[in-house]
Amino acid sequence: MSQPYDVIDAIVIEEREPKLVRAQNGPLAYWCHKAFGKDPNQDAQYFNTAANIFVSLDGIGSRDQSDIAALTFAQHCQNVVRREGWITPESMKEVHSGVHNSLKEQRIEGGTCYLLFGIHGRMVHIYHAGDVKLIILDEKHNKVFETKDHEELITEYFWEKRKVITNSVGFHRLGEVVLDTFPLKEGYRLIAASDGLWKFCPVAEVVDLAREKEAREALDTLATTAIQRRTPLGNGDNINLFVYDLMTLSTPGLSRMVFSTILI
């Protein structure tokens, strides 16, 4: 008997075209796009539809080899999910320390921001560090939840202000584990993305752009708008994006199946 959803355990480092799959609770659209001139891509994604866990990663651009930091984080998440079938605060601490120690051992001075959300029953569990953001829309597509970015503005020479990330994971920082939870209902929509979306499309506009559109169309609209607002030469930040529509909510079993890695 076939599964009622697509069984996928994927680390995504670049996806040229947006994808649509069946996840446990409904349609999931995802995309990981490398901006022109941004080599290598410091954004990445990881998701496991059996565990109902999704991770959006954004390597810190000011650090060399932050693409490796983001990929290392995805791999550590995948290892924990395959072993335990879920992410707990203790296992998230394990991910943080594993990434930090691995980068130190390899002398890779990279770092990454991340947002991980997992749905179990009628609750979403959210771990995050940095400025990767999740918003939740209700059945009328009004915003009911938004994660708070871990950042501050500092004043530099000539009174210019610069955004500084205050919580991340990497060579220089172990990172603080931050957990939020939020109750869900059928008809809710979750949108998670790196700041390659949010810096070009404020949250209120994202809500309006995605309103009354199916998951894939909503993702296409958001991504196209962000890309069009980059500089005339096409430069801009990388984007990775999830749009997940919750058509049904039921308590899923936590799978301990071992899947083959999919590198996209």
Protein backbone atom coordinates (compact mmCIF):
# COMPACT_ATOMS: atom_id res chain seq x y z
CA MET A 1 0.00 0.00 0.00
CA SER A 2 1.48 3.37 -0.99
CA GLN A 3 2.09 6.14 1.51
CA PRO A 4 -0.48 8.98 1.55
CA TYR A 5 2.45 11.39 1.18
CA ASP A 6 5.80 11.50 -0.60
CA VAL A 7 8.51 9.93 1.58
CA ILE A 8 11.47 12.25 1.18
CA ASP A 9 14.61 12.74 3.25
CA ALA A 10 16.45 15.49 1.37
CA ILE A 11 19.33 17.88 1.77
CA VAL A 12 18.83 20.59 -0.86
CA ILE A 13 21.74 22.82 -1.85
CA GLU A 14 20.27 24.18 -5.07
CA GLU A 15 16.98 23.66 -6.88
CA ARG A 16 16.75 25.49 -10.19
CA GLU A 17 12.95 25.33 -10.33
CA PRO A 18 10.46 25.39 -7.44
CA LYS A 19 9.19 21.94 -6.47
CA LEU A 20 5.83 20.75 -5.15
CA VAL A 21 5.47 17.52 -3.14
CA ARG A 22 2.84 15.90 -0.93
CA ALA A 23 3.83 16.23 2.71
CA GLN A 24 1.97 14.67 5.64
CA ASN A 25 -0.43 17.56 6.17
CA GLY A 26 -0.80 18.88 2.65
CA PRO A 27 1.07 20.39 -0.30
CA LEU A 28 4.64 21.58 0.29
CA ALA A 29 6.38 23.90 -2.16
CA TYR A 30 10.12 24.48 -1.76
CA TRP A 31 12.99 26.19 -3.54
CA CYS A 32 16.66 26.91 -2.93
CA HIS A 33 18.04 29.49 -5.36
CA LYS A 34 21.59 30.76 -5.82
CA ALA A 35 21.80 34.43 -6.73
CA PHE A 36 24.00 35.62 -9.58
CA GLY A 37 27.55 36.19 -8.33
CA LYS A 38 26.94 34.32 -5.08
CA ASP A 39 29.36 31.41 -5.35
CA PRO A 40 29.10 29.12 -3.56
CA ASN A 41 25.47 29.08 -2.45
CA GLN A 42 25.40 29.60 1.32
CA ASP A 43 21.70 28.74 1.58
CA ALA A 44 20.53 25.15 2.06
CA GLN A 45 17.47 23.17 3.11
CA TYR A 46 16.79 19.90 4.83
CA PHE A 47 13.43 18.19 5.18
CA ASN A 48 12.09 14.79 6.14
CA THR A 49 8.43 14.27 5.31
CA ALA A 50 8.12 11.13 7.45
CA ALA A 51 9.27 13.04 10.54
CA ASN A 52 7.43 16.19 9.35
CA ILE A 53 10.57 18.30 9.95
CA PHE A 54 11.81 21.15 7.75
CA VAL A 55 14.98 23.25 8.01
CA SER A 56 15.89 26.49 6.25
CA LEU A 57 19.58 27.48 6.46
CA ASP A 58 21.45 30.67 5.60
CA GLY A 59 25.24 30.69 5.92
CA ILE A 60 26.65 33.92 7.32
CA GLY A 61 27.87 35.85 4.30
CA SER A 62 30.69 37.67 6.09
CA ARG A 63 32.39 34.36 6.94
CA ASP A 64 34.35 32.28 4.47
CA GLN A 65 33.11 28.74 3.92
CA SER A 66 29.72 29.38 5.50
CA ASP A 67 28.25 27.18 2.77
CA ILE A 68 30.06 24.31 4.51
CA ALA A 69 28.63 25.42 7.86
CA ALA A 70 25.09 25.34 6.48
CA LEU A 71 25.59 21.94 4.86
CA THR A 72 27.19 20.56 8.04
CA PHE A 73 24.17 21.72 10.04
CA ALA A 74 21.82 20.00 7.59
CA GLN A 75 23.80 16.77 7.84
CA HIS A 76 23.75 16.80 11.65
CA CYS A 77 19.99 17.41 11.64
CA GLN A 78 19.54 14.53 9.23
CA ASN A 79 21.59 12.21 11.45
CA VAL A 80 19.50 13.04 14.52
CA VAL A 81 16.17 12.71 12.69
CA ARG A 82 17.15 9.34 11.23
CA ARG A 83 18.20 8.09 14.65
CA GLU A 84 15.41 9.53 16.81
CA GLY A 85 12.61 10.38 14.38
CA TRP A 86 12.18 13.81 15.95
CA ILE A 87 14.09 16.84 17.26
CA THR A 88 14.03 17.64 21.00
CA PRO A 89 15.78 20.50 22.83
CA GLU A 90 18.46 18.05 23.92
CA SER A 91 19.03 16.72 20.42
CA MET A 92 19.12 20.27 19.08
CA LYS A 93 21.90 21.02 21.55
CA GLU A 94 23.64 17.97 20.11
CA VAL A 95 23.28 19.43 16.61
CA HIS A 96 24.71 22.78 17.75
CA SER A 97 27.71 21.19 19.44
CA GLY A 98 28.25 18.74 16.60
CA VAL A 99 28.39 21.53 14.01
CA HIS A 100 30.61 23.71 16.20
CA ASN A 101 33.06 20.89 16.94
CA SER A 102 33.16 19.67 13.35
CA LEU A 103 34.01 23.12 11.99
CA LYS A 104 36.64 23.66 14.70
CA GLU A 105 38.29 20.34 13.88
CA GLN A 106 38.40 21.20 10.17
CA ARG A 107 39.43 24.83 10.83
CA ILE A 108 36.47 26.06 8.81
CA GLU A 109 35.60 29.54 10.08
CA GLY A 110 32.04 29.53 8.80
CA GLY A 111 28.72 29.98 10.55
CA THR A 112 25.04 29.64 9.79
CA CYS A 113 21.62 30.92 10.77
CA TYR A 114 18.76 28.44 10.68
CA LEU A 115 15.09 27.83 11.26
CA LEU A 116 13.77 24.33 11.95
CA PHE A 117 10.06 23.61 12.28
CA GLY A 118 8.47 20.28 13.00
CA ILE A 119 4.77 19.46 13.08
CA HIS A 120 3.46 16.88 15.50
CA GLY A 121 -0.28 16.59 15.95
CA ARG A 122 -1.71 20.07 16.18
CA MET A 123 1.44 21.83 17.33
CA VAL A 124 4.43 23.22 15.48
CA HIS A 125 7.79 23.20 17.27
CA ILE A 126 10.21 25.87 16.06
CA TYR A 127 13.96 26.14 16.68
CA HIS A 128 15.76 29.13 15.23
CA ALA A 129 18.91 31.24 15.31
CA GLY A 130 19.62 34.39 13.36
CA ASP A 131 17.35 35.99 10.78
CA VAL A 132 15.78 33.02 8.98
CA LYS A 133 12.08 33.58 9.59
CA LEU A 134 8.84 31.62 9.87
CA ILE A 135 5.40 33.16 9.64
CA ILE A 136 2.11 31.32 10.17
CA LEU A 137 -1.11 32.40 8.45
CA ASP A 138 -4.58 31.34 9.56
CA GLU A 139 -7.29 29.88 7.32
CA LYS A 140 -8.12 33.40 6.08
CA HIS A 141 -4.40 33.99 5.40
CA ASN A 142 -3.99 36.54 8.16
CA LYS A 143 -0.68 36.40 10.05
CA VAL A 144 -1.04 34.81 13.50
CA PHE A 145 2.63 34.11 14.32
CA GLU A 146 6.09 35.38 13.39
CA THR A 147 9.49 34.38 14.76
CA LYS A 148 11.65 37.15 16.20
CA ASP A 149 15.00 37.64 14.48
CA HIS A 150 18.14 37.39 16.59
CA GLU A 151 19.88 40.59 15.52
CA GLU A 152 20.79 44.10 16.58
CA LEU A 153 21.78 47.30 14.80
CA ILE A 154 25.20 48.76 15.54
CA THR A 155 26.48 52.18 14.56
CA GLU A 156 29.71 52.32 12.58
CA TYR A 157 31.73 55.15 11.04
CA PHE A 158 29.79 58.16 9.75
CA TRP A 159 26.81 56.98 11.83
CA GLU A 160 25.97 54.21 9.40
CA LYS A 161 24.05 51.36 10.94
CA ARG A 162 24.79 47.69 10.28
CA LYS A 163 22.78 44.59 11.22
CA VAL A 164 24.64 42.11 13.41
CA ILE A 165 23.41 38.57 14.05
CA THR A 166 23.37 37.81 17.78
CA ASN A 167 22.67 34.07 17.64
CA SER A 168 24.12 31.62 15.11
CA VAL A 169 25.99 28.31 14.99
CA GLY A 170 29.51 27.81 13.67
CA PHE A 171 33.24 27.96 14.23
CA HIS A 172 33.14 31.03 16.47
CA ARG A 173 29.85 30.40 18.24
CA LEU A 174 28.10 27.39 19.74
CA GLY A 175 24.75 29.15 19.54
CA GLU A 176 21.78 29.26 21.89
CA VAL A 177 18.92 26.79 21.42
CA VAL A 178 15.67 28.77 21.17
CA LEU A 179 12.34 26.91 21.03
CA ASP A 180 8.90 28.30 20.23
CA THR A 181 5.66 26.33 19.94
CA PHE A 182 2.36 27.32 18.39
CA PRO A 183 -1.05 25.59 17.99
CA LEU A 184 -2.24 24.82 14.48
CA LYS A 185 -5.56 24.39 12.71
CA GLU A 186 -6.60 22.99 9.35
CA GLY A 187 -6.23 25.64 6.67
CA TYR A 188 -3.16 27.25 8.21
CA ARG A 189 -0.15 28.08 6.02
CA LEU A 190 3.50 28.11 7.06
CA ILE A 191 6.06 30.21 5.17
CA ALA A 192 9.73 29.85 6.12
CA ALA A 193 12.54 31.59 4.26
CA SER A 194 16.02 33.02 4.50
CA ASP A 195 16.50 36.78 4.49
CA GLY A 196 16.97 36.65 0.72
CA LEU A 197 13.17 36.90 0.71
CA TRP A 198 12.49 39.10 3.73
CA LYS A 199 14.96 41.89 2.87
CA PHE A 200 13.15 42.46 -0.43
CA CYS A 201 9.59 41.61 0.69
CA PRO A 202 8.42 42.74 4.15
CA VAL A 203 6.25 40.31 6.08
CA ALA A 204 3.00 42.21 5.48
CA GLU A 205 3.64 42.18 1.74
CA VAL A 206 4.51 38.48 1.75
CA VAL A 207 1.15 37.80 3.36
CA ASP A 208 -0.66 39.80 0.66
CA LEU A 209 1.34 38.36 -2.25
CA ALA A 210 0.59 34.79 -1.16
CA ARG A 211 -3.08 35.37 -0.36
CA GLU A 212 -5.60 33.10 -2.13
CA LYS A 213 -2.90 31.27 -4.08
CA GLU A 214 -2.05 27.58 -4.04
CA ALA A 215 1.29 26.66 -2.43
CA ARG A 216 3.32 26.43 -5.65
CA GLU A 217 1.83 29.62 -7.11
CA ALA A 218 2.40 31.45 -3.82
CA LEU A 219 6.05 30.39 -3.76
CA ASP A 220 6.53 31.39 -7.42
CA THR A 221 5.04 34.83 -6.74
CA LEU A 222 7.18 35.46 -3.67
CA ALA A 223 10.39 34.28 -5.31
CA THR A 224 9.79 36.22 -8.52
CA THR A 225 9.05 39.42 -6.63
CA ALA A 226 12.21 39.12 -4.51
CA ILE A 227 14.39 38.40 -7.55
CA GLN A 228 12.96 41.33 -9.54
CA ARG A 229 13.82 43.71 -6.72
CA ARG A 230 17.54 42.88 -6.75
CA THR A 231 20.03 45.27 -8.29
CA PRO A 232 19.92 45.85 -12.07
CA LEU A 233 22.89 43.48 -12.56
CA GLY A 234 20.97 40.69 -10.89
CA ASN A 235 23.05 40.69 -7.72
CA GLY A 236 21.32 39.93 -4.48
CA ASP A 237 21.08 37.39 -1.75
CA ASN A 238 20.36 33.69 -2.11
CA ILE A 239 16.81 32.58 -1.36
CA ASN A 240 15.48 29.38 0.13
CA LEU A 241 11.80 29.11 0.78
CA PHE A 242 9.13 26.70 2.08
CA VAL A 243 5.37 27.14 1.68
CA TYR A 244 3.42 24.43 3.52
CA ASP A 245 -0.40 24.31 3.47
CA LEU A 246 -2.02 22.30 6.26
CA MET A 247 -5.07 20.61 4.77
CA THR A 248 -5.38 17.99 7.53
CA LEU A 249 -3.95 17.64 11.02
CA SER A 250 -3.66 14.30 12.77
CA THR A 251 -1.15 12.82 15.16
CA PRO A 252 1.54 11.19 12.99
CA GLY A 253 3.63 8.23 14.05
CA LEU A 254 7.29 9.07 14.49
CA SER A 255 9.17 7.13 11.86
CA ARG A 256 12.55 5.53 12.54
CA MET A 257 12.94 4.38 8.95
CA VAL A 258 16.35 4.87 7.41
CA PHE A 259 16.22 6.70 4.10
CA SER A 260 18.87 7.22 1.46
CA THR A 261 20.28 10.74 1.30
CA ILE A 262 19.05 12.86 -1.55
CA LEU A 263 21.47 15.66 -2.51
CA ILE A 264 19.78 18.05 -4.91
